[in-house]
Amino acid sequence: MTQKKKETIYGAEKLAKFFGVTKQTVRGWCKKGKLPAFKIGKEWKIRVTDLQKIIDREVRTHESEKSSRLF
Protein backbone atom coordinates (compact mmCIF):
# COMPACT_ATOMS: atom_id res chain seq x y z
CA MET A 1 0.00 0.00 0.00
CA THR A 2 1.42 3.42 -0.96
CA GLN A 3 1.02 6.48 1.17
CA LYS A 4 0.36 9.85 -0.35
CA LYS A 5 2.41 12.71 1.00
CA LYS A 6 0.21 15.47 2.39
CA GLU A 7 0.59 18.76 0.60
CA THR A 8 1.01 21.92 2.60
CA ILE A 9 -1.68 24.49 1.87
CA TYR A 10 -1.66 28.12 2.98
CA GLY A 11 -4.58 30.43 3.57
CA ALA A 12 -4.86 34.13 2.73
CA GLU A 13 -3.67 35.21 6.18
CA LYS A 14 -0.41 33.27 6.00
CA LEU A 15 0.20 34.40 2.42
CA ALA A 16 -0.42 38.02 3.42
CA LYS A 17 2.26 37.75 6.09
CA PHE A 18 4.64 36.05 3.65
CA PHE A 19 4.22 38.77 0.99
CA GLY A 20 3.92 41.64 3.49
CA VAL A 21 0.48 42.71 2.25
CA THR A 22 -3.08 42.61 3.57
CA LYS A 23 -5.43 39.63 3.35
CA GLN A 24 -7.60 41.73 1.04
CA THR A 25 -4.69 42.10 -1.38
CA VAL A 26 -4.13 38.33 -1.41
CA ARG A 27 -7.84 37.74 -1.99
CA GLY A 28 -7.73 40.17 -4.91
CA TRP A 29 -4.75 38.33 -6.43
CA CYS A 30 -6.65 35.06 -6.08
CA LYS A 31 -9.81 36.44 -7.69
CA LYS A 32 -7.79 37.92 -10.59
CA GLY A 33 -5.92 34.66 -11.13
CA LYS A 34 -2.51 36.10 -10.17
CA LEU A 35 -2.14 33.23 -7.71
CA PRO A 36 -3.16 29.65 -8.58
CA ALA A 37 -5.61 29.50 -5.69
CA PHE A 38 -8.79 27.63 -4.94
CA LYS A 39 -11.58 28.10 -2.45
CA ILE A 40 -12.63 25.88 0.39
CA GLY A 41 -15.87 27.37 1.60
CA LYS A 42 -15.26 31.12 1.70
CA GLU A 43 -11.50 30.85 2.21
CA TRP A 44 -8.88 31.12 -0.54
CA LYS A 45 -6.13 28.50 -0.38
CA ILE A 46 -2.89 27.93 -2.30
CA ARG A 47 -0.64 24.89 -2.40
CA VAL A 48 2.95 25.54 -1.34
CA THR A 49 4.14 23.66 -4.43
CA ASP A 50 2.22 26.08 -6.67
CA LEU A 51 3.60 29.07 -4.76
CA GLN A 52 7.15 27.70 -5.16
CA LYS A 53 6.65 27.39 -8.92
CA ILE A 54 5.69 31.08 -9.11
CA ILE A 55 8.67 32.13 -7.02
CA ASP A 56 11.07 30.00 -9.09
CA ARG A 57 9.70 31.44 -12.33
CA GLU A 58 10.08 35.02 -11.05
CA VAL A 59 13.65 34.39 -9.89
CA ARG A 60 14.59 32.94 -13.28
CA THR A 61 12.98 35.91 -15.07
CA HIS A 62 14.86 38.45 -12.95
CA GLU A 63 18.15 36.56 -13.30
CA SER A 64 17.86 36.47 -17.09
CA GLU A 65 17.04 40.21 -17.16
CA LYS A 66 20.17 40.93 -15.09
CA SER A 67 22.39 38.81 -17.33
CA SER A 68 21.18 40.60 -20.46
CA ARG A 69 22.31 44.01 -19.08
CA LEU A 70 25.91 45.11 -19.03
CA PHE A 71 25.62 46.94 -15.68
PDB file of N, CA and C in Angstrom:
ATOM      1  N   MET A   1       0.845  -1.176   0.000  1.00  0.00           N
ATOM      2  CA  MET A   1       0.000   0.000   0.000  1.00  0.00           C
ATOM      3  C   MET A   1       0.899   1.251   0.000  1.00  0.00           C
ATOM      4  N   THR A   2       0.617   2.195  -0.899  1.00  0.00           N
ATOM      5  CA  THR A   2       1.416   3.417  -0.963  1.00  0.00           C
ATOM      6  C   THR A   2       0.731   4.526  -0.188  1.00  0.00           C
ATOM      7  N   GLN A   3       1.557   5.342   0.447  1.00  0.00           N
ATOM      8  CA  GLN A   3       1.022   6.478   1.174  1.00  0.00           C
ATOM      9  C   GLN A   3       1.242   7.734   0.363  1.00  0.00           C
ATOM     10  N   LYS A   4       0.226   8.574   0.312  1.00  0.00           N
ATOM     11  CA  LYS A   4       0.363   9.851  -0.352  1.00  0.00           C
ATOM     12  C   LYS A   4       0.926  10.857   0.642  1.00  0.00           C
ATOM     13  N   LYS A   5       1.853  11.666   0.162  1.00  0.00           N
ATOM     14  CA  LYS A   5       2.414  12.711   0.996  1.00  0.00           C
ATOM     15  C   LYS A   5       1.413  13.866   1.059  1.00  0.00           C
ATOM     16  N   LYS A   6       1.139  14.351   2.249  1.00  0.00           N
ATOM     17  CA  LYS A   6       0.205  15.469   2.394  1.00  0.00           C
ATOM     18  C   LYS A   6       0.862  16.741   1.895  1.00  0.00           C
ATOM     19  N   GLU A   7       0.104  17.482   1.105  1.00  0.00           N
ATOM     20  CA  GLU A   7       0.591  18.756   0.596  1.00  0.00           C
ATOM     21  C   GLU A   7       0.286  19.858   1.587  1.00  0.00           C
ATOM     22  N   THR A   8       1.229  20.768   1.745  1.00  0.00           N
ATOM     23  CA  THR A   8       1.011  21.924   2.602  1.00  0.00           C
ATOM     24  C   THR A   8       0.209  22.961   1.830  1.00  0.00           C
ATOM     25  N   ILE A   9      -0.803  23.492   2.483  1.00  0.00           N
ATOM     26  CA  ILE A   9      -1.679  24.487   1.865  1.00  0.00           C
ATOM     27  C   ILE A   9      -1.754  25.694   2.788  1.00  0.00           C
ATOM     28  N   TYR A  10      -1.577  26.880   2.215  1.00  0.00           N
ATOM     29  CA  TYR A  10      -1.656  28.125   2.984  1.00  0.00           C
ATOM     30  C   TYR A  10      -2.966  28.842   2.709  1.00  0.00           C
ATOM     31  N   GLY A  11      -3.421  29.571   3.708  1.00  0.00           N
ATOM     32  CA  GLY A  11      -4.585  30.429   3.567  1.00  0.00           C
ATOM     33  C   GLY A  11      -4.161  31.858   3.291  1.00  0.00           C
ATOM     34  N   ALA A  12      -5.127  32.732   3.071  1.00  0.00           N
ATOM     35  CA  ALA A  12      -4.861  34.127   2.733  1.00  0.00           C
ATOM     36  C   ALA A  12      -4.075  34.844   3.829  1.00  0.00           C
ATOM     37  N   GLU A  13      -4.349  34.530   5.081  1.00  0.00           N
ATOM     38  CA  GLU A  13      -3.666  35.214   6.177  1.00  0.00           C
ATOM     39  C   GLU A  13      -2.165  34.905   6.173  1.00  0.00           C
ATOM     40  N   LYS A  14      -1.815  33.662   6.019  1.00  0.00           N
ATOM     41  CA  LYS A  14      -0.409  33.266   6.003  1.00  0.00           C
ATOM     42  C   LYS A  14       0.306  33.841   4.775  1.00  0.00           C
ATOM     43  N   LEU A  15      -0.387  33.831   3.636  1.00  0.00           N
ATOM     44  CA  LEU A  15       0.199  34.403   2.423  1.00  0.00           C
ATOM     45  C   LEU A  15       0.397  35.906   2.555  1.00  0.00           C
ATOM     46  N   ALA A  16      -0.536  36.574   3.206  1.00  0.00           N
ATOM     47  CA  ALA A  16      -0.422  38.019   3.417  1.00  0.00           C
ATOM     48  C   ALA A  16       0.830  38.328   4.245  1.00  0.00           C
ATOM     49  N   LYS A  17       1.056  37.556   5.275  1.00  0.00           N
ATOM     50  CA  LYS A  17       2.262  37.748   6.092  1.00  0.00           C
ATOM     51  C   LYS A  17       3.517  37.468   5.270  1.00  0.00           C
ATOM     52  N   PHE A  18       3.498  36.420   4.471  1.00  0.00           N
ATOM     53  CA  PHE A  18       4.645  36.050   3.646  1.00  0.00           C
ATOM     54  C   PHE A  18       5.010  37.166   2.668  1.00  0.00           C
ATOM     55  N   PHE A  19       3.985  37.728   1.991  1.00  0.00           N
ATOM     56  CA  PHE A  19       4.216  38.770   0.994  1.00  0.00           C
ATOM     57  C   PHE A  19       4.289  40.175   1.590  1.00  0.00           C
ATOM     58  N   GLY A  20       3.898  40.326   2.858  1.00  0.00           N
ATOM     59  CA  GLY A  20       3.916  41.641   3.490  1.00  0.00           C
ATOM     60  C   GLY A  20       2.810  42.553   2.990  1.00  0.00           C
ATOM     61  N   VAL A  21       1.649  41.957   2.720  1.00  0.00           N
ATOM     62  CA  VAL A  21       0.482  42.710   2.248  1.00  0.00           C
ATOM     63  C   VAL A  21      -0.724  42.336   3.107  1.00  0.00           C
ATOM     64  N   THR A  22      -1.870  42.925   2.818  1.00  0.00           N
ATOM     65  CA  THR A  22      -3.085  42.609   3.568  1.00  0.00           C
ATOM     66  C   THR A  22      -3.760  41.357   3.010  1.00  0.00           C
ATOM     67  N   LYS A  23      -4.644  40.787   3.816  1.00  0.00           N
ATOM     68  CA  LYS A  23      -5.426  39.634   3.346  1.00  0.00           C
ATOM     69  C   LYS A  23      -6.282  40.030   2.151  1.00  0.00           C
ATOM     70  N   GLN A  24      -6.774  41.262   2.152  1.00  0.00           N
ATOM     71  CA  GLN A  24      -7.603  41.734   1.040  1.00  0.00           C
ATOM     72  C   GLN A  24      -6.807  41.745  -0.263  1.00  0.00           C
ATOM     73  N   THR A  25      -5.538  42.112  -0.191  1.00  0.00           N
ATOM     74  CA  THR A  25      -4.689  42.098  -1.383  1.00  0.00           C
ATOM     75  C   THR A  25      -4.535  40.677  -1.904  1.00  0.00           C
ATOM     76  N   VAL A  26      -4.272  39.740  -1.008  1.00  0.00           N
ATOM     77  CA  VAL A  26      -4.129  38.330  -1.406  1.00  0.00           C
ATOM     78  C   VAL A  26      -5.422  37.832  -2.029  1.00  0.00           C
ATOM     79  N   ARG A  27      -6.543  38.158  -1.421  1.00  0.00           N
ATOM     80  CA  ARG A  27      -7.839  37.741  -1.986  1.00  0.00           C
ATOM     81  C   ARG A  27      -8.023  38.304  -3.391  1.00  0.00           C
ATOM     82  N   GLY A  28      -7.633  39.555  -3.585  1.00  0.00           N
ATOM     83  CA  GLY A  28      -7.727  40.171  -4.910  1.00  0.00           C
ATOM     84  C   GLY A  28      -6.866  39.456  -5.928  1.00  0.00           C
ATOM     85  N   TRP A  29      -5.640  39.078  -5.533  1.00  0.00           N
ATOM     86  CA  TRP A  29      -4.754  38.335  -6.432  1.00  0.00           C
ATOM     87  C   TRP A  29      -5.381  37.002  -6.804  1.00  0.00           C
ATOM     88  N   CYS A  30      -6.010  36.361  -5.820  1.00  0.00           N
ATOM     89  CA  CYS A  30      -6.652  35.062  -6.080  1.00  0.00           C
ATOM     90  C   CYS A  30      -7.811  35.221  -7.056  1.00  0.00           C
ATOM     91  N   LYS A  31      -8.649  36.215  -6.818  1.00  0.00           N
ATOM     92  CA  LYS A  31      -9.809  36.442  -7.694  1.00  0.00           C
ATOM     93  C   LYS A  31      -9.387  36.763  -9.117  1.00  0.00           C
ATOM     94  N   LYS A  32      -8.271  37.525  -9.263  1.00  0.00           N
ATOM     95  CA  LYS A  32      -7.791  37.919 -10.588  1.00  0.00           C
ATOM     96  C   LYS A  32      -6.969  36.829 -11.265  1.00  0.00           C
ATOM     97  N   GLY A  33      -6.690  35.750 -10.545  1.00  0.00           N
ATOM     98  CA  GLY A  33      -5.915  34.662 -11.125  1.00  0.00           C
ATOM     99  C   GLY A  33      -4.411  34.872 -11.066  1.00  0.00           C
ATOM    100  N   LYS A  34      -3.955  35.861 -10.299  1.00  0.00           N
ATOM    101  CA  LYS A  34      -2.513  36.098 -10.172  1.00  0.00           C
ATOM    102  C   LYS A  34      -1.849  35.028  -9.316  1.00  0.00           C
ATOM    103  N   LEU A  35      -2.611  34.371  -8.484  1.00  0.00           N
ATOM    104  CA  LEU A  35      -2.140  33.231  -7.706  1.00  0.00           C
ATOM    105  C   LEU A  35      -2.998  32.030  -8.076  1.00  0.00           C
ATOM    106  N   PRO A  36      -2.387  30.860  -8.233  1.00  0.00           N
ATOM    107  CA  PRO A  36      -3.162  29.654  -8.583  1.00  0.00           C
ATOM    108  C   PRO A  36      -3.878  29.108  -7.347  1.00  0.00           C
ATOM    109  N   ALA A  37      -4.901  29.805  -6.930  1.00  0.00           N
ATOM    110  CA  ALA A  37      -5.605  29.496  -5.690  1.00  0.00           C
ATOM    111  C   ALA A  37      -6.929  28.800  -5.951  1.00  0.00           C
ATOM    112  N   PHE A  38      -7.470  28.256  -4.891  1.00  0.00           N
ATOM    113  CA  PHE A  38      -8.786  27.631  -4.944  1.00  0.00           C
ATOM    114  C   PHE A  38      -9.500  27.948  -3.640  1.00  0.00           C
ATOM    115  N   LYS A  39     -10.799  27.781  -3.644  1.00  0.00           N
ATOM    116  CA  LYS A  39     -11.582  28.095  -2.451  1.00  0.00           C
ATOM    117  C   LYS A  39     -12.051  26.822  -1.761  1.00  0.00           C
ATOM    118  N   ILE A  40     -11.994  26.886  -0.454  1.00  0.00           N
ATOM    119  CA  ILE A  40     -12.630  25.884   0.394  1.00  0.00           C
ATOM    120  C   ILE A  40     -13.602  26.695   1.246  1.00  0.00           C
ATOM    121  N   GLY A  41     -14.873  26.519   0.960  1.00  0.00           N
ATOM    122  CA  GLY A  41     -15.874  27.370   1.600  1.00  0.00           C
ATOM    123  C   GLY A  41     -15.682  28.794   1.119  1.00  0.00           C
ATOM    124  N   LYS A  42     -15.477  29.714   2.044  1.00  0.00           N
ATOM    125  CA  LYS A  42     -15.260  31.119   1.695  1.00  0.00           C
ATOM    126  C   LYS A  42     -13.785  31.503   1.692  1.00  0.00           C
ATOM    127  N   GLU A  43     -12.924  30.568   2.051  1.00  0.00           N
ATOM    128  CA  GLU A  43     -11.496  30.853   2.212  1.00  0.00           C
ATOM    129  C   GLU A  43     -10.680  30.482   0.973  1.00  0.00           C
ATOM    130  N   TRP A  44      -9.808  31.387   0.540  1.00  0.00           N
ATOM    131  CA  TRP A  44      -8.879  31.118  -0.539  1.00  0.00           C
ATOM    132  C   TRP A  44      -7.705  30.334   0.007  1.00  0.00           C
ATOM    133  N   LYS A  45      -7.252  29.348  -0.760  1.00  0.00           N
ATOM    134  CA  LYS A  45      -6.125  28.500  -0.380  1.00  0.00           C
ATOM    135  C   LYS A  45      -5.170  28.378  -1.556  1.00  0.00           C
ATOM    136  N   ILE A  46      -3.885  28.168  -1.250  1.00  0.00           N
ATOM    137  CA  ILE A  46      -2.892  27.930  -2.298  1.00  0.00           C
ATOM    138  C   ILE A  46      -1.923  26.859  -1.814  1.00  0.00           C
ATOM    139  N   ARG A  47      -1.592  25.950  -2.718  1.00  0.00           N
ATOM    140  CA  ARG A  47      -0.638  24.889  -2.403  1.00  0.00           C
ATOM    141  C   ARG A  47       0.770  25.478  -2.384  1.00  0.00           C
ATOM    142  N   VAL A  48       1.574  25.064  -1.438  1.00  0.00           N
ATOM    143  CA  VAL A  48       2.950  25.544  -1.344  1.00  0.00           C
ATOM    144  C   VAL A  48       3.722  25.194  -2.613  1.00  0.00           C
ATOM    145  N   THR A  49       3.448  24.045  -3.193  1.00  0.00           N
ATOM    146  CA  THR A  49       4.142  23.659  -4.425  1.00  0.00           C
ATOM    147  C   THR A  49       3.828  24.628  -5.565  1.00  0.00           C
ATOM    148  N   ASP A  50       2.592  25.104  -5.648  1.00  0.00           N
ATOM    149  CA  ASP A  50       2.223  26.083  -6.672  1.00  0.00           C
ATOM    150  C   ASP A  50       2.895  27.432  -6.407  1.00  0.00           C
ATOM    151  N   LEU A  51       2.949  27.824  -5.145  1.00  0.00           N
ATOM    152  CA  LEU A  51       3.604  29.067  -4.758  1.00  0.00           C
ATOM    153  C   LEU A  51       5.094  29.001  -5.105  1.00  0.00           C
ATOM    154  N   GLN A  52       5.730  27.871  -4.854  1.00  0.00           N
ATOM    155  CA  GLN A  52       7.150  27.704  -5.155  1.00  0.00           C
ATOM    156  C   GLN A  52       7.411  27.811  -6.648  1.00  0.00           C
ATOM    157  N   LYS A  53       6.497  27.292  -7.467  1.00  0.00           N
ATOM    158  CA  LYS A  53       6.654  27.395  -8.921  1.00  0.00           C
ATOM    159  C   LYS A  53       6.650  28.858  -9.365  1.00  0.00           C
ATOM    160  N   ILE A  54       5.769  29.647  -8.779  1.00  0.00           N
ATOM    161  CA  ILE A  54       5.692  31.076  -9.113  1.00  0.00           C
ATOM    162  C   ILE A  54       6.980  31.778  -8.710  1.00  0.00           C
ATOM    163  N   ILE A  55       7.446  31.498  -7.518  1.00  0.00           N
ATOM    164  CA  ILE A  55       8.671  32.131  -7.019  1.00  0.00           C
ATOM    165  C   ILE A  55       9.853  31.741  -7.907  1.00  0.00           C
ATOM    166  N   ASP A  56       9.976  30.468  -8.227  1.00  0.00           N
ATOM    167  CA  ASP A  56      11.070  30.001  -9.089  1.00  0.00           C
ATOM    168  C   ASP A  56      11.032  30.686 -10.451  1.00  0.00           C
ATOM    169  N   ARG A  57       9.848  30.805 -11.022  1.00  0.00           N
ATOM    170  CA  ARG A  57       9.701  31.444 -12.332  1.00  0.00           C
ATOM    171  C   ARG A  57      10.121  32.912 -12.262  1.00  0.00           C
ATOM    172  N   GLU A  58       9.718  33.611 -11.207  1.00  0.00           N
ATOM    173  CA  GLU A  58      10.077  35.024 -11.054  1.00  0.00           C
ATOM    174  C   GLU A  58      11.581  35.195 -10.876  1.00  0.00           C
ATOM    175  N   VAL A  59      12.202  34.314 -10.096  1.00  0.00           N
ATOM    176  CA  VAL A  59      13.649  34.389  -9.887  1.00  0.00           C
ATOM    177  C   VAL A  59      14.373  34.189 -11.209  1.00  0.00           C
ATOM    178  N   ARG A  60      13.955  33.187 -11.985  1.00  0.00           N
ATOM    179  CA  ARG A  60      14.593  32.941 -13.282  1.00  0.00           C
ATOM    180  C   ARG A  60      14.424  34.137 -14.211  1.00  0.00           C
ATOM    181  N   THR A  61      13.245  34.750 -14.212  1.00  0.00           N
ATOM    182  CA  THR A  61      12.985  35.912 -15.066  1.00  0.00           C
ATOM    183  C   THR A  61      13.905  37.061 -14.695  1.00  0.00           C
ATOM    184  N   HIS A  62      14.020  37.337 -13.399  1.00  0.00           N
ATOM    185  CA  HIS A  62      14.862  38.450 -12.952  1.00  0.00           C
ATOM    186  C   HIS A  62      16.349  38.158 -13.189  1.00  0.00           C
ATOM    187  N   GLU A  63      16.765  36.920 -13.043  1.00  0.00           N
ATOM    188  CA  GLU A  63      18.152  36.562 -13.300  1.00  0.00           C
ATOM    189  C   GLU A  63      18.497  36.722 -14.770  1.00  0.00           C
ATOM    190  N   SER A  64      17.581  36.343 -15.664  1.00  0.00           N
ATOM    191  CA  SER A  64      17.858  36.467 -17.091  1.00  0.00           C
ATOM    192  C   SER A  64      17.857  37.943 -17.511  1.00  0.00           C
ATOM    193  N   GLU A  65      17.039  38.770 -16.859  1.00  0.00           N
ATOM    194  CA  GLU A  65      17.039  40.209 -17.157  1.00  0.00           C
ATOM    195  C   GLU A  65      18.370  40.826 -16.727  1.00  0.00           C
ATOM    196  N   LYS A  66      18.889  40.411 -15.581  1.00  0.00           N
ATOM    197  CA  LYS A  66      20.168  40.925 -15.092  1.00  0.00           C
ATOM    198  C   LYS A  66      21.301  40.530 -16.029  1.00  0.00           C
ATOM    199  N   SER A  67      21.295  39.297 -16.496  1.00  0.00           N
ATOM    200  CA  SER A  67      22.386  38.813 -17.326  1.00  0.00           C
ATOM    201  C   SER A  67      22.382  39.452 -18.713  1.00  0.00           C
ATOM    202  N   SER A  68      21.246  39.977 -19.135  1.00  0.00           N
ATOM    203  CA  SER A  68      21.183  40.602 -20.457  1.00  0.00           C
ATOM    204  C   SER A  68      21.662  42.058 -20.422  1.00  0.00           C
ATOM    205  N   ARG A  69      21.801  42.634 -19.213  1.00  0.00           N
ATOM    206  CA  ARG A  69      22.308  44.007 -19.076  1.00  0.00           C
ATOM    207  C   ARG A  69      23.814  43.976 -18.847  1.00  0.00           C
ATOM    208  N   LEU A  70      24.483  45.022 -19.285  1.00  0.00           N
ATOM    209  CA  LEU A  70      25.914  45.114 -19.028  1.00  0.00           C
ATOM    210  C   LEU A  70      26.186  45.518 -17.583  1.00  0.00           C
ATOM    211  N   PHE A  71      25.413  46.443 -17.050  1.00  0.00           N
ATOM    212  CA  PHE A  71      25.620  46.938 -15.677  1.00  0.00           C
ATOM    213  C   PHE A  71      24.316  47.020 -14.950  1.00  0.00           C
TER     214      PHE A  71
END
